[in-house]
C-alpha atoms as a PDB file:
ATOM      1  CA  MET A   1     277.355  27.666 122.822  1.00  0.00           C
ATOM      2  CA  ARG A   2     276.223  31.218 123.408  1.00  0.00           C
ATOM      3  CA  SER A   3     277.981  33.087 126.243  1.00  0.00           C
ATOM      4  CA  HIS A   4     276.129  34.533 129.021  1.00  0.00           C
ATOM      5  CA  HIS A   5     276.877  38.059 127.709  1.00  0.00           C
ATOM      6  CA  ALA A   6     275.531  37.147 124.275  1.00  0.00           C
ATOM      7  CA  ILE A   7     272.331  35.764 125.616  1.00  0.00           C
ATOM      8  CA  ALA A   8     271.793  38.936 127.832  1.00  0.00           C
ATOM      9  CA  ALA A   9     272.509  41.226 124.868  1.00  0.00           C
ATOM     10  CA  SER A  10     269.961  39.254 122.774  1.00  0.00           C
ATOM     11  CA  LYS A  11     267.390  39.770 125.388  1.00  0.00           C
ATOM     12  CA  THR A  12     267.942  43.533 125.686  1.00  0.00           C
ATOM     13  CA  GLU A  13     267.813  43.948 121.854  1.00  0.00           C
ATOM     14  CA  SER A  14     264.440  41.916 121.975  1.00  0.00           C
ATOM     15  CA  ARG A  15     263.109  44.275 124.716  1.00  0.00           C
ATOM     16  CA  ILE A  16     264.224  47.326 122.682  1.00  0.00           C
ATOM     17  CA  SER A  17     262.641  45.927 119.452  1.00  0.00           C
ATOM     18  CA  ARG A  18     259.420  45.405 121.308  1.00  0.00           C
ATOM     19  CA  ARG A  19     259.565  48.978 122.588  1.00  0.00           C
ATOM     20  CA  LYS A  20     260.019  50.265 119.137  1.00  0.00           C
ATOM     21  CA  ARG A  21     257.292  48.208 117.685  1.00  0.00           C
ATOM     22  CA  ASP A  22     254.960  49.590 120.464  1.00  0.00           C
ATOM     23  CA  ARG A  23     256.070  53.218 120.223  1.00  0.00           C
ATOM     24  CA  GLY A  24     253.344  55.419 118.772  1.00  0.00           C
ATOM     25  CA  ARG A  25     250.493  53.213 119.520  1.00  0.00           C
ATOM     26  CA  THR A  26     248.618  52.620 122.692  1.00  0.00           C
ATOM     27  CA  VAL A  27     248.432  49.187 124.211  1.00  0.00           C
ATOM     28  CA  ILE A  28     245.617  48.623 126.721  1.00  0.00           C
ATOM     29  CA  SER A  29     245.295  44.973 128.104  1.00  0.00           C
ATOM     30  CA  LYS A  30     243.300  45.555 131.266  1.00  0.00           C
ATOM     31  CA  ARG A  31     239.553  45.269 131.444  1.00  0.00           C
ATOM     32  CA  PRO A  32     238.055  48.669 131.521  1.00  0.00           C
ATOM     33  CA  ASN A  33     236.819  50.088 135.006  1.00  0.00           C
ATOM     34  CA  SER A  34     233.060  49.251 135.305  1.00  0.00           C
ATOM     35  CA  ARG A  35     232.733  52.357 137.633  1.00  0.00           C
ATOM     36  CA  ALA A  36     234.447  54.963 135.435  1.00  0.00           C
ATOM     37  CA  ALA A  37     233.347  57.178 132.643  1.00  0.00           C
ATOM     38  CA  PHE A  38     235.077  59.437 130.225  1.00  0.00           C
ATOM     39  CA  LEU A  39     233.581  62.819 130.079  1.00  0.00           C
ATOM     40  CA  ASN A  40     234.105  64.574 126.671  1.00  0.00           C
ATOM     41  CA  ILE A  41     232.878  68.263 127.137  1.00  0.00           C
ATOM     42  CA  PRO A  42     233.956  71.527 126.073  1.00  0.00           C
ATOM     43  CA  TYR A  43     236.208  73.447 128.468  1.00  0.00           C
ATOM     44  CA  ASP A  44     235.047  76.852 128.747  1.00  0.00           C
ATOM     45  CA  GLU A  45     233.386  78.873 131.454  1.00  0.00           C
ATOM     46  CA  ARG A  46     230.156  79.298 129.809  1.00  0.00           C
ATOM     47  CA  PHE A  47     229.762  75.439 130.092  1.00  0.00           C
ATOM     48  CA  GLY A  48     230.683  75.544 133.823  1.00  0.00           C
ATOM     49  CA  ASP A  49     227.168  74.786 135.142  1.00  0.00           C
ATOM     50  CA  LEU A  50     226.749  71.760 132.919  1.00  0.00           C
ATOM     51  CA  TYR A  51     230.177  70.562 133.740  1.00  0.00           C
ATOM     52  CA  LEU A  52     229.171  70.480 137.439  1.00  0.00           C
ATOM     53  CA  ALA A  53     225.919  68.775 136.568  1.00  0.00           C
ATOM     54  CA  TYR A  54     227.597  66.099 134.574  1.00  0.00           C
ATOM     55  CA  ILE A  55     230.022  65.354 137.604  1.00  0.00           C
ATOM     56  CA  SER A  56     227.158  65.485 140.092  1.00  0.00           C
ATOM     57  CA  ALA A  57     225.055  63.014 137.853  1.00  0.00           C
ATOM     58  CA  LEU A  58     227.802  60.609 137.331  1.00  0.00           C
ATOM     59  CA  VAL A  59     228.833  60.363 140.826  1.00  0.00           C
ATOM     60  CA  ALA A  60     225.355  60.129 142.133  1.00  0.00           C
ATOM     61  CA  HIS A  61     225.140  56.912 139.975  1.00  0.00           C
ATOM     62  CA  GLY A  62     228.364  55.545 141.587  1.00  0.00           C
ATOM     63  CA  ILE A  63     230.496  56.345 138.526  1.00  0.00           C
ATOM     64  CA  THR A  64     233.721  58.275 138.645  1.00  0.00           C
ATOM     65  CA  PRO A  65     234.249  60.944 135.958  1.00  0.00           C
ATOM     66  CA  ARG A  66     237.542  60.962 133.971  1.00  0.00           C
ATOM     67  CA  ALA A  67     238.581  63.746 131.688  1.00  0.00           C
ATOM     68  CA  THR A  68     241.540  64.953 129.542  1.00  0.00           C
ATOM     69  CA  LEU A  69     242.133  67.479 132.213  1.00  0.00           C
ATOM     70  CA  GLU A  70     244.001  64.715 134.156  1.00  0.00           C
ATOM     71  CA  ILE A  71     246.547  64.235 131.299  1.00  0.00           C
ATOM     72  CA  PRO A  72     250.005  65.646 132.208  1.00  0.00           C
ATOM     73  CA  GLY A  73     251.588  68.251 129.762  1.00  0.00           C
ATOM     74  CA  SER A  74     254.480  66.057 129.032  1.00  0.00           C
ATOM     75  CA  ALA A  75     252.468  63.081 127.950  1.00  0.00           C
ATOM     76  CA  ARG A  76     251.853  62.291 124.248  1.00  0.00           C
ATOM     77  CA  ARG A  77     248.186  63.584 124.318  1.00  0.00           C
ATOM     78  CA  LEU A  78     246.664  61.363 121.731  1.00  0.00           C
ATOM     79  CA  ASP A  79     247.884  58.179 123.102  1.00  0.00           C
ATOM     80  CA  ARG A  80     246.886  59.239 126.546  1.00  0.00           C
ATOM     81  CA  ILE A  81     243.241  60.104 125.447  1.00  0.00           C
ATOM     82  CA  VAL A  82     242.910  56.682 123.742  1.00  0.00           C
ATOM     83  CA  GLU A  83     244.136  55.057 126.914  1.00  0.00           C
ATOM     84  CA  LEU A  84     241.734  57.136 129.105  1.00  0.00           C
ATOM     85  CA  ILE A  85     238.924  56.089 126.945  1.00  0.00           C
ATOM     86  CA  GLY A  86     239.825  52.425 126.879  1.00  0.00           C
ATOM     87  CA  THR A  87     240.150  52.207 130.802  1.00  0.00           C
ATOM     88  CA  CYS A  88     236.583  53.359 131.209  1.00  0.00           C
ATOM     89  CA  ARG A  89     233.365  51.241 130.713  1.00  0.00           C
ATOM     90  CA  TYR A  90     231.456  54.346 129.819  1.00  0.00           C
ATOM     91  CA  SER A  91     231.806  57.727 128.003  1.00  0.00           C
ATOM     92  CA  PHE A  92     229.586  60.689 127.616  1.00  0.00           C
ATOM     93  CA  HIS A  93     230.093  63.048 124.761  1.00  0.00           C
ATOM     94  CA  ASP A  94     228.412  66.333 124.722  1.00  0.00           C
ATOM     95  CA  LEU A  95     228.190  67.883 121.174  1.00  0.00           C
ATOM     96  CA  SER A  96     226.084  70.942 122.208  1.00  0.00           C
ATOM     97  CA  ARG A  97     229.102  73.483 121.842  1.00  0.00           C
ATOM     98  CA  VAL A  98     230.394  72.068 118.477  1.00  0.00           C
ATOM     99  CA  GLU A  99     230.342  75.539 117.034  1.00  0.00           C
ATOM    100  CA  VAL A 100     232.598  78.349 115.433  1.00  0.00           C
ATOM    101  CA  ASP A 101     234.842  80.041 117.960  1.00  0.00           C
ATOM    102  CA  PRO A 102     234.621  83.731 116.893  1.00  0.00           C
ATOM    103  CA  VAL A 103     238.100  84.460 118.424  1.00  0.00           C
ATOM    104  CA  GLU A 104     240.702  85.009 115.695  1.00  0.00           C
ATOM    105  CA  PRO A 105     241.465  82.960 113.903  1.00  0.00           C
ATOM    106  CA  VAL A 106     237.838  82.042 113.534  1.00  0.00           C
ATOM    107  CA  THR A 107     237.707  78.181 113.744  1.00  0.00           C
ATOM    108  CA  PRO A 108     235.234  75.413 114.400  1.00  0.00           C
ATOM    109  CA  ARG A 109     235.531  73.515 117.665  1.00  0.00           C
ATOM    110  CA  MET A 110     236.320  69.933 116.746  1.00  0.00           C
ATOM    111  CA  ASN A 111     237.722  68.209 119.892  1.00  0.00           C
ATOM    112  CA  MET A 112     234.369  66.776 120.988  1.00  0.00           C
ATOM    113  CA  PRO A 113     233.448  65.127 117.648  1.00  0.00           C
ATOM    114  CA  PHE A 114     237.087  63.926 117.400  1.00  0.00           C
ATOM    115  CA  GLU A 115     237.142  62.322 120.700  1.00  0.00           C
ATOM    116  CA  LEU A 116     233.748  60.821 119.933  1.00  0.00           C
ATOM    117  CA  GLY A 117     235.329  59.352 116.737  1.00  0.00           C
ATOM    118  CA  LEU A 118     238.219  57.881 118.747  1.00  0.00           C
ATOM    119  CA  THR A 119     235.492  56.264 121.061  1.00  0.00           C
ATOM    120  CA  VAL A 120     233.583  54.707 118.334  1.00  0.00           C
ATOM    121  CA  ALA A 121     236.753  53.295 116.776  1.00  0.00           C
ATOM    122  CA  TRP A 122     237.730  51.807 120.029  1.00  0.00           C
ATOM    123  CA  ASP A 123     234.348  50.292 120.557  1.00  0.00           C
ATOM    124  CA  LEU A 124     234.448  48.623 116.973  1.00  0.00           C
ATOM    125  CA  LEU A 125     237.809  47.372 117.573  1.00  0.00           C
ATOM    126  CA  MET A 126     237.268  46.030 121.072  1.00  0.00           C
ATOM    127  CA  PRO A 127     233.560  45.224 121.235  1.00  0.00           C
ATOM    128  CA  ASN A 128     231.632  44.691 124.456  1.00  0.00           C
ATOM    129  CA  ARG A 129     234.104  46.829 126.470  1.00  0.00           C
ATOM    130  CA  HIS A 130     232.721  50.307 126.255  1.00  0.00           C
ATOM    131  CA  VAL A 131     229.407  51.886 126.107  1.00  0.00           C
ATOM    132  CA  TRP A 132     229.070  55.456 124.731  1.00  0.00           C
ATOM    133  CA  PHE A 133     226.455  57.980 124.736  1.00  0.00           C
ATOM    134  CA  VAL A 134     225.938  61.315 122.768  1.00  0.00           C
ATOM    135  CA  LEU A 135     224.210  64.348 124.294  1.00  0.00           C
ATOM    136  CA  GLU A 136     223.000  67.582 122.829  1.00  0.00           C
ATOM    137  CA  SER A 137     221.031  70.581 123.850  1.00  0.00           C
ATOM    138  CA  ILE A 138     218.887  70.838 120.608  1.00  0.00           C
ATOM    139  CA  ASN A 139     216.996  68.156 119.024  1.00  0.00           C
ATOM    140  CA  ARG A 140     218.073  66.779 115.578  1.00  0.00           C
ATOM    141  CA  ARG A 141     221.072  69.217 115.467  1.00  0.00           C
ATOM    142  CA  ALA A 142     223.747  66.489 116.121  1.00  0.00           C
ATOM    143  CA  LEU A 143     222.304  64.490 113.369  1.00  0.00           C
ATOM    144  CA  LYS A 144     222.554  67.367 110.902  1.00  0.00           C
ATOM    145  CA  SER A 145     226.239  68.328 111.872  1.00  0.00           C
ATOM    146  CA  LEU A 146     227.350  64.627 112.240  1.00  0.00           C
ATOM    147  CA  SER A 147     225.020  62.375 109.846  1.00  0.00           C
ATOM    148  CA  ASP A 148     227.248  59.333 110.500  1.00  0.00           C
ATOM    149  CA  LEU A 149     225.423  59.303 113.989  1.00  0.00           C
ATOM    150  CA  ALA A 150     222.036  58.426 112.005  1.00  0.00           C
ATOM    151  CA  GLY A 151     220.533  55.490 114.068  1.00  0.00           C
ATOM    152  CA  THR A 152     222.207  56.508 117.236  1.00  0.00           C
ATOM    153  CA  ASP A 153     220.103  57.783 120.115  1.00  0.00           C
ATOM    154  CA  VAL A 154     221.136  61.283 121.009  1.00  0.00           C
ATOM    155  CA  TYR A 155     219.958  62.494 124.527  1.00  0.00           C
ATOM    156  CA  ILE A 156     218.789  65.958 124.590  1.00  0.00           C
ATOM    157  CA  HIS A 157     219.348  67.968 127.803  1.00  0.00           C
ATOM    158  CA  ASN A 158     218.082  71.357 126.630  1.00  0.00           C
ATOM    159  CA  GLY A 159     221.217  73.175 127.871  1.00  0.00           C
ATOM    160  CA  THR A 160     220.227  72.895 131.553  1.00  0.00           C
ATOM    161  CA  PRO A 161     221.672  71.223 134.621  1.00  0.00           C
ATOM    162  CA  GLU A 162     218.341  69.638 135.242  1.00  0.00           C
ATOM    163  CA  GLY A 163     218.402  68.278 131.623  1.00  0.00           C
ATOM    164  CA  VAL A 164     221.734  66.813 132.325  1.00  0.00           C
ATOM    165  CA  PHE A 165     220.581  65.054 135.443  1.00  0.00           C
ATOM    166  CA  ARG A 166     217.615  63.667 133.547  1.00  0.00           C
ATOM    167  CA  GLU A 167     219.398  62.467 130.399  1.00  0.00           C
ATOM    168  CA  VAL A 168     222.298  60.889 132.317  1.00  0.00           C
ATOM    169  CA  GLY A 169     219.730  59.008 134.334  1.00  0.00           C
ATOM    170  CA  ASN A 170     218.058  57.886 131.053  1.00  0.00           C
ATOM    171  CA  ALA A 171     221.471  56.644 129.638  1.00  0.00           C
ATOM    172  CA  LEU A 172     222.054  54.899 132.831  1.00  0.00           C
ATOM    173  CA  VAL A 173     218.642  53.539 133.386  1.00  0.00           C
ATOM    174  CA  ARG A 174     219.702  49.886 133.603  1.00  0.00           C
ATOM    175  CA  LYS A 175     221.903  50.549 136.757  1.00  0.00           C
ATOM    176  CA  LYS A 176     220.386  49.284 139.901  1.00  0.00           C
ATOM    177  CA  ASN A 177     219.150  51.612 142.580  1.00  0.00           C
ATOM    178  CA  PRO A 178     219.458  54.755 140.610  1.00  0.00           C
ATOM    179  CA  PRO A 179     219.456  58.077 142.360  1.00  0.00           C
ATOM    180  CA  THR A 180     216.481  60.555 142.036  1.00  0.00           C
ATOM    181  CA  VAL A 181     216.689  63.854 140.242  1.00  0.00           C
ATOM    182  CA  GLN A 182     216.361  65.384 143.877  1.00  0.00           C
ATOM    183  CA  ASP A 183     219.431  63.482 144.988  1.00  0.00           C
ATOM    184  CA  VAL A 184     221.618  64.629 142.057  1.00  0.00           C
ATOM    185  CA  GLY A 185     220.236  68.156 142.500  1.00  0.00           C
ATOM    186  CA  ASP A 186     221.482  68.191 146.138  1.00  0.00           C
ATOM    187  CA  ILE A 187     224.828  67.074 145.123  1.00  0.00           C
ATOM    188  CA  TYR A 188     224.929  69.708 142.396  1.00  0.00           C
ATOM    189  CA  ARG A 189     224.058  72.381 144.884  1.00  0.00           C
ATOM    190  CA  ALA A 190     226.656  71.162 147.366  1.00  0.00           C
ATOM    191  CA  LEU A 191     229.287  71.616 144.604  1.00  0.00           C
ATOM    192  CA  GLN A 192     228.057  75.103 143.752  1.00  0.00           C
ATOM    193  CA  SER A 193     228.313  76.086 147.353  1.00  0.00           C
ATOM    194  CA  ALA A 194     231.717  74.578 147.719  1.00  0.00           C
ATOM    195  CA  LEU A 195     233.147  75.945 144.359  1.00  0.00           C
ATOM    196  CA  PRO A 196     234.508  79.366 145.737  1.00  0.00           C
ATOM    197  CA  GLY A 197     236.338  77.536 148.437  1.00  0.00           C
ATOM    198  CA  ILE A 198     237.569  75.049 146.063  1.00  0.00           C
ATOM    199  CA  MET A 199     238.999  77.763 143.860  1.00  0.00           C
ATOM    200  CA  GLU A 200     240.653  79.644 146.620  1.00  0.00           C
ATOM    201  CA  LYS A 201     242.272  76.371 148.131  1.00  0.00           C
ATOM    202  CA  THR A 202     243.582  75.071 144.701  1.00  0.00           C
ATOM    203  CA  GLY A 203     244.684  78.371 143.307  1.00  0.00           C
ATOM    204  CA  ALA A 204     243.128  77.404 140.024  1.00  0.00           C
ATOM    205  CA  ARG A 205     242.223  80.162 137.629  1.00  0.00           C
ATOM    206  CA  SER A 206     239.585  78.032 136.041  1.00  0.00           C
ATOM    207  CA  ILE A 207     237.394  75.113 137.171  1.00  0.00           C
ATOM    208  CA  PHE A 208     238.730  73.255 134.101  1.00  0.00           C
ATOM    209  CA  GLU A 209     242.093  72.712 135.617  1.00  0.00           C
ATOM    210  CA  ALA A 210     243.458  69.383 137.045  1.00  0.00           C
ATOM    211  CA  ARG A 211     243.736  70.658 140.549  1.00  0.00           C
ATOM    212  CA  ALA A 212     240.078  71.907 140.656  1.00  0.00           C
ATOM    213  CA  PHE A 213     238.878  68.797 138.895  1.00  0.00           C
ATOM    214  CA  GLN A 214     240.333  66.593 141.698  1.00  0.00           C
ATOM    215  CA  LYS A 215     238.921  68.579 144.431  1.00  0.00           C
ATOM    216  CA  ILE A 216     235.423  68.991 142.783  1.00  0.00           C
ATOM    217  CA  LEU A 217     235.253  65.107 142.419  1.00  0.00           C
ATOM    218  CA  PHE A 218     236.235  64.797 146.184  1.00  0.00           C
ATOM    219  CA  VAL A 219     233.487  67.231 147.084  1.00  0.00           C
ATOM    220  CA  ALA A 220     230.904  65.560 144.879  1.00  0.00           C
ATOM    221  CA  SER A 221     231.829  62.032 146.077  1.00  0.00           C
ATOM    222  CA  ASP A 222     231.567  63.245 149.707  1.00  0.00           C
ATOM    223  CA  ALA A 223     228.145  64.734 149.094  1.00  0.00           C
ATOM    224  CA  ALA A 224     227.027  61.434 147.341  1.00  0.00           C
ATOM    225  CA  ARG A 225     228.235  59.462 150.337  1.00  0.00           C
ATOM    226  CA  LYS A 226     226.399  61.583 152.767  1.00  0.00           C
ATOM    227  CA  LYS A 227     223.198  61.048 150.684  1.00  0.00           C
ATOM    228  CA  THR A 228     223.458  57.127 151.008  1.00  0.00           C
ATOM    229  CA  ALA A 229     224.602  57.082 154.583  1.00  0.00           C
END
Protein backbone atom coordinates (compact mmCIF):
# COMPACT_ATOMS: atom_id res chain seq x y z
CA MET A 1 0.00 0.00 0.00
CA ARG A 2 1.41 3.39 -1.02
CA SER A 3 2.30 5.82 1.76
CA HIS A 4 0.75 9.24 2.17
CA HIS A 5 4.07 10.83 1.11
CA ALA A 6 4.27 8.68 -2.02
CA ILE A 7 0.73 9.65 -3.07
CA ALA A 8 1.44 13.34 -2.45
CA ALA A 9 4.66 13.13 -4.48
CA SER A 10 2.80 11.43 -7.33
CA LYS A 11 0.18 14.18 -7.39
CA THR A 12 2.90 16.85 -7.40
CA GLU A 13 4.67 15.14 -10.30
CA SER A 14 1.36 14.97 -12.18
CA ARG A 15 0.76 18.71 -11.73
CA ILE A 16 4.30 19.50 -12.89
CA SER A 17 3.83 17.23 -15.89
CA ARG A 18 0.62 19.06 -16.86
CA ARG A 19 2.35 22.42 -16.54
CA LYS A 20 5.17 21.20 -18.77
CA ARG A 21 2.69 19.98 -21.39
CA ASP A 22 0.84 23.31 -21.30
CA ARG A 23 3.98 25.43 -21.30
CA GLY A 24 4.36 27.36 -24.54
CA ARG A 25 0.71 27.11 -25.58
CA THR A 26 -2.31 29.12 -24.55
CA VAL A 27 -5.31 27.33 -23.05
CA ILE A 28 -8.58 29.31 -23.18
CA SER A 29 -11.53 27.49 -21.66
CA LYS A 30 -13.98 30.34 -20.99
CA ARG A 31 -16.54 31.54 -23.49
CA PRO A 32 -15.56 34.86 -25.10
CA ASN A 33 -16.89 38.11 -23.69
CA SER A 34 -19.80 39.05 -25.96
CA ARG A 35 -19.21 42.73 -25.20
CA ALA A 36 -15.48 42.88 -25.99
CA ALA A 37 -13.55 43.45 -29.22
CA PHE A 38 -9.87 42.99 -29.98
CA LEU A 39 -8.59 46.12 -31.73
CA ASN A 40 -5.72 45.43 -34.15
CA ILE A 41 -4.38 48.78 -35.36
CA PRO A 42 -1.01 50.47 -35.97
CA TYR A 43 0.44 52.26 -32.98
CA ASP A 44 1.76 55.51 -34.40
CA GLU A 45 0.76 59.10 -33.87
CA ARG A 46 -0.40 59.60 -37.47
CA PHE A 47 -3.13 57.04 -36.76
CA GLY A 48 -4.24 58.82 -33.59
CA ASP A 49 -7.51 60.26 -34.92
CA LEU A 50 -8.63 56.88 -36.28
CA TYR A 51 -7.60 55.20 -33.02
CA LEU A 52 -9.94 57.50 -31.10
CA ALA A 53 -12.60 56.96 -33.77
CA TYR A 54 -12.47 53.16 -33.32
CA ILE A 55 -12.71 53.46 -29.55
CA SER A 56 -15.63 55.91 -29.84
CA ALA A 57 -17.52 53.72 -32.31
CA LEU A 58 -17.06 50.49 -30.36
CA VAL A 59 -17.98 52.03 -27.01
CA ALA A 60 -21.06 53.63 -28.61
CA HIS A 61 -22.16 50.10 -29.63
CA GLY A 62 -21.74 48.86 -26.07
CA ILE A 63 -18.48 47.06 -26.82
CA THR A 64 -15.25 47.37 -24.81
CA PRO A 65 -12.11 47.64 -26.97
CA ARG A 66 -9.18 45.44 -25.97
CA ALA A 67 -5.66 45.88 -27.33
CA THR A 68 -2.13 44.57 -27.01
CA LEU A 69 -1.37 47.82 -25.16
CA GLU A 70 -2.73 46.02 -22.10
CA ILE A 71 -0.16 43.23 -22.25
CA PRO A 72 2.50 43.64 -19.51
CA GLY A 73 6.11 43.64 -20.61
CA SER A 74 6.96 40.54 -18.60
CA ALA A 75 4.30 38.38 -20.29
CA ARG A 76 5.10 36.06 -23.18
CA ARG A 77 3.65 38.36 -25.82
CA LEU A 78 2.48 35.84 -28.42
CA ASP A 79 0.61 33.73 -25.86
CA ARG A 80 -1.07 36.83 -24.43
CA ILE A 81 -2.12 38.08 -27.87
CA VAL A 82 -3.79 34.76 -28.65
CA GLU A 83 -5.43 34.75 -25.22
CA LEU A 84 -6.67 38.32 -25.72
CA ILE A 85 -8.18 37.43 -29.10
CA GLY A 86 -9.80 34.31 -27.67
CA THR A 87 -11.50 36.16 -24.85
CA CYS A 88 -13.22 38.63 -27.22
CA ARG A 89 -16.34 37.99 -29.27
CA TYR A 90 -15.23 40.40 -32.00
CA SER A 91 -12.05 41.74 -33.54
CA PHE A 92 -11.36 44.65 -35.88
CA HIS A 93 -8.24 44.52 -38.03
CA ASP A 94 -7.15 47.71 -39.76
CA LEU A 95 -4.77 47.03 -42.65
CA SER A 96 -4.61 50.61 -43.92
CA ARG A 97 -1.07 51.12 -42.63
CA VAL A 98 0.55 47.89 -43.81
CA GLU A 99 3.36 49.75 -45.51
CA VAL A 100 7.13 50.08 -45.55
CA ASP A 101 8.53 51.97 -42.57
CA PRO A 102 11.22 54.29 -44.02
CA VAL A 103 13.16 54.45 -40.74
CA GLU A 104 16.38 52.43 -41.02
CA PRO A 105 16.40 49.52 -41.42
CA VAL A 106 13.62 49.96 -44.01
CA THR A 107 11.09 47.28 -43.09
CA PRO A 108 7.46 46.42 -43.93
CA ARG A 109 5.01 46.65 -41.05
CA MET A 110 3.63 43.15 -40.49
CA ASN A 111 2.03 43.13 -37.02
CA MET A 112 -1.49 43.86 -38.29
CA PRO A 113 -1.66 41.05 -40.90
CA PHE A 114 0.13 38.70 -38.50
CA GLU A 115 -2.46 39.28 -35.77
CA LEU A 116 -5.21 38.91 -38.36
CA GLY A 117 -3.72 35.53 -39.27
CA LEU A 118 -3.73 34.48 -35.61
CA THR A 119 -7.39 35.48 -35.41
CA VAL A 120 -8.38 33.55 -38.53
CA ALA A 121 -6.59 30.46 -37.21
CA TRP A 122 -8.37 30.82 -33.86
CA ASP A 123 -11.72 31.13 -35.63
CA LEU A 124 -11.02 27.98 -37.66
CA LEU A 125 -9.95 26.00 -34.60
CA MET A 126 -12.79 27.28 -32.40
CA PRO A 127 -15.74 27.99 -34.71
CA ASN A 128 -18.72 30.10 -33.65
CA ARG A 129 -16.78 31.84 -30.88
CA HIS A 130 -15.36 34.81 -32.73
CA VAL A 131 -16.33 37.26 -35.48
CA TRP A 132 -13.57 39.21 -37.21
CA PHE A 133 -13.69 42.21 -39.54
CA VAL A 134 -11.08 43.66 -41.89
CA LEU A 135 -10.93 47.39 -42.55
CA GLU A 136 -8.92 49.46 -45.02
CA SER A 137 -8.75 53.02 -46.28
CA ILE A 138 -8.43 52.23 -50.01
CA ASN A 139 -10.73 49.90 -51.93
CA ARG A 140 -9.19 46.66 -53.29
CA ARG A 141 -5.76 47.30 -51.75
CA ALA A 142 -6.12 44.67 -49.00
CA LEU A 143 -7.10 42.04 -51.56
CA LYS A 144 -4.02 42.91 -53.61
CA SER A 145 -1.57 42.78 -50.69
CA LEU A 146 -3.25 39.79 -49.03
CA SER A 147 -4.97 37.78 -51.75
CA ASP A 148 -5.91 35.01 -49.30
CA LEU A 149 -8.66 37.40 -48.17
CA ALA A 150 -10.50 36.86 -51.46
CA GLY A 151 -14.17 36.35 -50.64
CA THR A 152 -13.90 38.37 -47.43
CA ASP A 153 -15.79 41.64 -47.10
CA VAL A 154 -13.35 44.48 -46.47
CA TYR A 155 -14.83 47.61 -44.92
CA ILE A 156 -13.42 50.80 -46.50
CA HIS A 157 -13.25 53.77 -44.14
CA ASN A 158 -11.40 56.16 -46.51
CA GLY A 159 -8.95 57.10 -43.78
CA THR A 160 -11.37 59.38 -41.91
CA PRO A 161 -12.96 59.19 -38.45
CA GLU A 162 -16.40 59.52 -40.06
CA GLY A 163 -15.53 56.57 -42.28
CA VAL A 164 -14.59 54.51 -39.22
CA PHE A 165 -17.90 55.44 -37.54
CA ARG A 166 -19.75 54.32 -40.67
CA GLU A 167 -17.88 51.04 -41.25
CA VAL A 168 -17.90 49.89 -37.64
CA GLY A 169 -21.64 50.50 -37.76
CA ASN A 170 -21.88 48.46 -40.98
CA ALA A 171 -19.90 45.62 -39.40
CA LEU A 172 -22.15 45.60 -36.33
CA VAL A 173 -25.38 46.21 -38.22
CA ARG A 174 -27.10 43.25 -36.54
CA LYS A 175 -26.73 44.66 -33.04
CA LYS A 176 -29.94 45.99 -31.51
CA ASN A 177 -30.48 49.72 -30.95
CA PRO A 178 -27.36 50.88 -32.81
CA PRO A 179 -26.10 54.42 -32.18
CA THR A 180 -26.33 57.07 -34.85
CA VAL A 181 -23.24 58.49 -36.54
CA GLN A 182 -24.01 61.71 -34.66
CA ASP A 183 -23.95 59.83 -31.34
CA VAL A 184 -20.54 58.35 -32.15
CA GLY A 185 -19.28 61.74 -33.29
CA ASP A 186 -20.28 63.30 -29.98
CA ILE A 187 -18.28 60.67 -28.07
CA TYR A 188 -15.32 61.21 -30.40
CA ARG A 189 -15.37 64.96 -29.86
CA ALA A 190 -15.60 64.46 -26.09
CA LEU A 191 -12.48 62.30 -26.30
CA GLN A 192 -10.62 64.88 -28.35
CA SER A 193 -11.48 67.59 -25.83
CA ALA A 194 -10.40 65.43 -22.89
CA LEU A 195 -7.19 64.17 -24.50
CA PRO A 196 -4.79 66.93 -23.30
CA GLY A 197 -5.98 66.40 -19.73
CA ILE A 198 -5.66 62.64 -20.10
CA MET A 199 -2.06 62.96 -21.25
CA GLU A 200 -1.22 65.34 -18.41
CA LYS A 201 -2.85 63.23 -15.69
CA THR A 202 -1.36 59.92 -16.86
CA GLY A 203 2.07 61.32 -17.69
CA ALA A 204 1.99 59.23 -20.87
CA ARG A 205 4.24 60.34 -23.71
CA SER A 206 1.97 58.76 -26.31
CA ILE A 207 -1.73 57.96 -26.57
CA PHE A 208 -0.60 54.42 -27.39
CA GLU A 209 0.39 53.60 -23.82
CA ALA A 210 -1.48 51.41 -21.34
CA ARG A 211 -2.14 54.26 -18.89
CA ALA A 212 -3.55 56.55 -21.57
CA PHE A 213 -5.56 53.68 -23.11
CA GLN A 214 -7.30 52.94 -19.81
CA LYS A 215 -8.20 56.58 -19.25
CA ILE A 216 -9.38 57.04 -22.84
CA LEU A 217 -11.71 54.05 -22.40
CA PHE A 218 -13.06 55.52 -19.17
CA VAL A 219 -13.79 58.90 -20.76
CA ALA A 220 -15.36 57.30 -23.85
CA SER A 221 -17.55 55.01 -21.74
CA ASP A 222 -18.63 57.93 -19.56
CA ALA A 223 -19.56 59.98 -22.65
CA ALA A 224 -21.53 57.02 -24.02
CA ARG A 225 -23.45 56.61 -20.75
CA LYS A 226 -24.40 60.29 -20.81
CA LYS A 227 -25.74 59.86 -24.34
CA THR A 228 -28.10 57.10 -23.21
CA ALA A 229 -29.04 58.58 -19.82
